[in-house]
Amino acid sequence: MSDRITVEELAELMKKSAGVTVAPEELQQRYDTGFDAFGIDSLALLGIVGELENRYGTPMPPDAEKSKNPRQFLDLVNSALLAGA
């Protein structure tokens, strides 16, 4: 397990936690597109955050579920993981 969440892992979590399938390549190309454009709302992000906390055994930033886009989410989450490492 890496100490950083990748775009591929985020795409997998979006499918598992929110039922939204987005190819990692598309997610990378639309990195600054709002989560709402992908069909992800704050409740779905909360599910993704919970899954990450379970996987890594580390609390995620309290604002992670309020992230507007994949870039912001990954920056917040990866900062928390690096700080906890």
C-alpha atoms as a PDB file:
ATOM      1  CA  MET A   1       0.000   0.000   0.000  1.00  0.00           C
ATOM      2  CA  SER A   2       1.336   3.400  -0.985  1.00  0.00           C
ATOM      3  CA  ASP A   3       1.569   6.466   1.229  1.00  0.00           C
ATOM      4  CA  ARG A   4      -0.238   8.464  -1.449  1.00  0.00           C
ATOM      5  CA  ILE A   5      -3.663   8.032  -3.043  1.00  0.00           C
ATOM      6  CA  THR A   6      -3.410   7.827  -6.820  1.00  0.00           C
ATOM      7  CA  VAL A   7      -5.943   8.836  -9.438  1.00  0.00           C
ATOM      8  CA  GLU A   8      -6.444   5.126 -10.135  1.00  0.00           C
ATOM      9  CA  GLU A   9      -7.250   4.449  -6.491  1.00  0.00           C
ATOM     10  CA  LEU A  10      -9.632   7.413  -6.338  1.00  0.00           C
ATOM     11  CA  ALA A  11     -11.445   6.100  -9.441  1.00  0.00           C
ATOM     12  CA  GLU A  12     -11.750   2.678  -7.786  1.00  0.00           C
ATOM     13  CA  LEU A  13     -13.062   4.256  -4.571  1.00  0.00           C
ATOM     14  CA  MET A  14     -15.596   6.315  -6.525  1.00  0.00           C
ATOM     15  CA  LYS A  15     -16.935   3.101  -8.024  1.00  0.00           C
ATOM     16  CA  LYS A  16     -16.910   1.129  -4.768  1.00  0.00           C
ATOM     17  CA  SER A  17     -18.276   3.815  -2.442  1.00  0.00           C
ATOM     18  CA  ALA A  18     -20.517   5.810  -4.763  1.00  0.00           C
ATOM     19  CA  GLY A  19     -21.290   3.464  -7.645  1.00  0.00           C
ATOM     20  CA  VAL A  20     -19.840   5.945 -10.130  1.00  0.00           C
ATOM     21  CA  THR A  21     -17.555   4.516 -12.798  1.00  0.00           C
ATOM     22  CA  VAL A  22     -14.955   6.916 -14.170  1.00  0.00           C
ATOM     23  CA  ALA A  23     -11.861   5.748 -16.028  1.00  0.00           C
ATOM     24  CA  PRO A  24      -8.662   6.884 -14.285  1.00  0.00           C
ATOM     25  CA  GLU A  25      -7.551   8.521 -17.545  1.00  0.00           C
ATOM     26  CA  GLU A  26     -10.730  10.603 -17.678  1.00  0.00           C
ATOM     27  CA  LEU A  27     -10.357  11.542 -14.024  1.00  0.00           C
ATOM     28  CA  GLN A  28      -6.790  12.667 -14.719  1.00  0.00           C
ATOM     29  CA  GLN A  29      -7.896  14.746 -17.722  1.00  0.00           C
ATOM     30  CA  ARG A  30     -10.742  16.321 -15.724  1.00  0.00           C
ATOM     31  CA  TYR A  31      -8.708  16.793 -12.541  1.00  0.00           C
ATOM     32  CA  ASP A  32     -10.152  20.244 -11.844  1.00  0.00           C
ATOM     33  CA  THR A  33     -13.742  19.369 -12.790  1.00  0.00           C
ATOM     34  CA  GLY A  34     -16.196  19.493  -9.916  1.00  0.00           C
ATOM     35  CA  PHE A  35     -17.178  16.189  -8.321  1.00  0.00           C
ATOM     36  CA  ASP A  36     -20.804  17.046  -9.059  1.00  0.00           C
ATOM     37  CA  ALA A  37     -20.063  16.688 -12.790  1.00  0.00           C
ATOM     38  CA  PHE A  38     -19.107  13.065 -12.074  1.00  0.00           C
ATOM     39  CA  GLY A  39     -22.263  12.474 -10.026  1.00  0.00           C
ATOM     40  CA  ILE A  40     -20.404  12.552  -6.693  1.00  0.00           C
ATOM     41  CA  ASP A  41     -21.966  14.513  -3.827  1.00  0.00           C
ATOM     42  CA  SER A  42     -20.719  15.198  -0.292  1.00  0.00           C
ATOM     43  CA  LEU A  43     -22.331  12.008   1.018  1.00  0.00           C
ATOM     44  CA  ALA A  44     -20.467   9.940  -1.572  1.00  0.00           C
ATOM     45  CA  LEU A  45     -17.234  11.731  -0.659  1.00  0.00           C
ATOM     46  CA  LEU A  46     -17.911  10.952   2.996  1.00  0.00           C
ATOM     47  CA  GLY A  47     -18.116   7.267   2.038  1.00  0.00           C
ATOM     48  CA  ILE A  48     -14.796   7.522   0.190  1.00  0.00           C
ATOM     49  CA  VAL A  49     -13.201   9.255   3.188  1.00  0.00           C
ATOM     50  CA  GLY A  50     -14.492   6.503   5.492  1.00  0.00           C
ATOM     51  CA  GLU A  51     -13.070   3.819   3.235  1.00  0.00           C
ATOM     52  CA  LEU A  52      -9.679   5.563   3.214  1.00  0.00           C
ATOM     53  CA  GLU A  53      -9.683   5.887   6.999  1.00  0.00           C
ATOM     54  CA  ASN A  54     -10.379   2.159   7.294  1.00  0.00           C
ATOM     55  CA  ARG A  55      -7.664   1.245   4.785  1.00  0.00           C
ATOM     56  CA  TYR A  56      -4.946   3.468   6.190  1.00  0.00           C
ATOM     57  CA  GLY A  57      -5.938   3.599   9.865  1.00  0.00           C
ATOM     58  CA  THR A  58      -5.478   7.363   9.770  1.00  0.00           C
ATOM     59  CA  PRO A  59      -8.104  10.074  10.176  1.00  0.00           C
ATOM     60  CA  MET A  60      -8.596  12.124   7.055  1.00  0.00           C
ATOM     61  CA  PRO A  61      -8.850  15.925   7.113  1.00  0.00           C
ATOM     62  CA  PRO A  62     -12.305  17.077   8.276  1.00  0.00           C
ATOM     63  CA  ASP A  63     -12.774  19.102   5.082  1.00  0.00           C
ATOM     64  CA  ALA A  64     -11.994  16.200   2.722  1.00  0.00           C
ATOM     65  CA  GLU A  65     -15.692  15.467   2.094  1.00  0.00           C
ATOM     66  CA  LYS A  66     -16.181  19.132   1.144  1.00  0.00           C
ATOM     67  CA  SER A  67     -13.587  18.997  -1.636  1.00  0.00           C
ATOM     68  CA  LYS A  68     -14.806  20.517  -4.881  1.00  0.00           C
ATOM     69  CA  ASN A  69     -12.741  18.441  -7.322  1.00  0.00           C
ATOM     70  CA  PRO A  70     -10.367  15.465  -7.514  1.00  0.00           C
ATOM     71  CA  ARG A  71      -7.260  17.679  -7.337  1.00  0.00           C
ATOM     72  CA  GLN A  72      -8.372  19.332  -4.094  1.00  0.00           C
ATOM     73  CA  PHE A  73      -9.416  15.984  -2.599  1.00  0.00           C
ATOM     74  CA  LEU A  74      -6.158  14.228  -3.447  1.00  0.00           C
ATOM     75  CA  ASP A  75      -4.070  17.175  -2.208  1.00  0.00           C
ATOM     76  CA  LEU A  76      -5.878  17.158   1.166  1.00  0.00           C
ATOM     77  CA  VAL A  77      -5.854  13.399   1.632  1.00  0.00           C
ATOM     78  CA  ASN A  78      -2.260  12.913   0.499  1.00  0.00           C
ATOM     79  CA  SER A  79      -1.088  15.709   2.815  1.00  0.00           C
ATOM     80  CA  ALA A  80      -2.767  13.923   5.731  1.00  0.00           C
ATOM     81  CA  LEU A  81      -1.213  10.582   4.768  1.00  0.00           C
ATOM     82  CA  LEU A  82       2.259  12.104   4.414  1.00  0.00           C
ATOM     83  CA  ALA A  83       1.929  13.862   7.784  1.00  0.00           C
ATOM     84  CA  GLY A  84       0.900  10.606   9.423  1.00  0.00           C
ATOM     85  CA  ALA A  85       3.718   8.592   7.850  1.00  0.00           C
END
